[in-house]
Amino acid sequence: MSDPTLAYLHRRFLARRLLRGVSPGRFLEVGVGRGKFYEDLLHLGFAGLCLDLNPTLIAQQTSECRFPADRVQFASTNFFSLDQKFKLLIAFEVLEHYQEDLACIRKWRSLLDRQGALLFSVPAHVRHWTENDDRAGHARRYEKLELAEKLNQCGFQVEQICCYGFPLLNVTYPLSSRLLAQPPKSFEATDNDPLMTDFCKTAQSGDRHLPFSGWIFDERLWLPWLHLQRLFLDGDHGTGYIVKCQAI
């Protein structure tokens, strides 16, 4: 990743483990931002499509990608406009931007093959709300029971909900809301989304630039903390949820 964050390292570490048992096929990643999780998917034998509503990020991903176009493509497209089917759908830090989150989940279900896998993350607990949530255009932070009920209502069987990040992110997340504030950038979006709480904030939320973060947040340096969080995943003390479920 060009500019990783500590939260991103926690999510990616867990996502690789949750993918165990999912056989390769065609994937869709919604809200790719600056992330490189698609590289993990390609190494596992997947091929697919990465979307983001920020065309600048899509142009950057396209130019930096080391894989051929028949393995992965990038598009500044709203996933609501798609009518394809996928084996796996990835959406890190997307759902919380939608005021109409049930419409979002139902659309994801329609894009998946029967028994296809959905792997996504959302911020956890209203009590953890900070200025970061306001700047990013979040509609809500989730509670575990609420999340499970909405997924079941929309045609998914929940396999695992992990509350990640404890104990480290519980300290660093509130600090980041004060230390990492950045003024909004101007950009031209190609595909607005009226279902979002704040489209402009959302489209820019994946474009946070942290100087030297590629060195500071090298996964190898943080492995002890990434492994430590595994002791607490079945609890409900972290700052985010990462969820694996199956379309039924």
Foldseek 3Di string as FASTA:
>chain_A
DQFDDQVNLLQLLVVLVVCPPQQAEEEEEEACQQHDSVVVNVVRPHAYEYEAQFVVRQVVCVVPDPDDVRRYHYDNDDLLPDQAEIQEYEYEADLQQFPPSLVVLLSVLNRYDAFRKYKYKFWADPVLDDLLCVLLNGPGHDYDVVVCVSNVVNAKDWDDKFQFDPPPCVPVVNVCRPVQDDDQDDGDGDDFDPRGRDRSSNSCSSVRHDPPNCPVPDSVVCVVVSVVRVVCGVPNPHGMIITMITGD
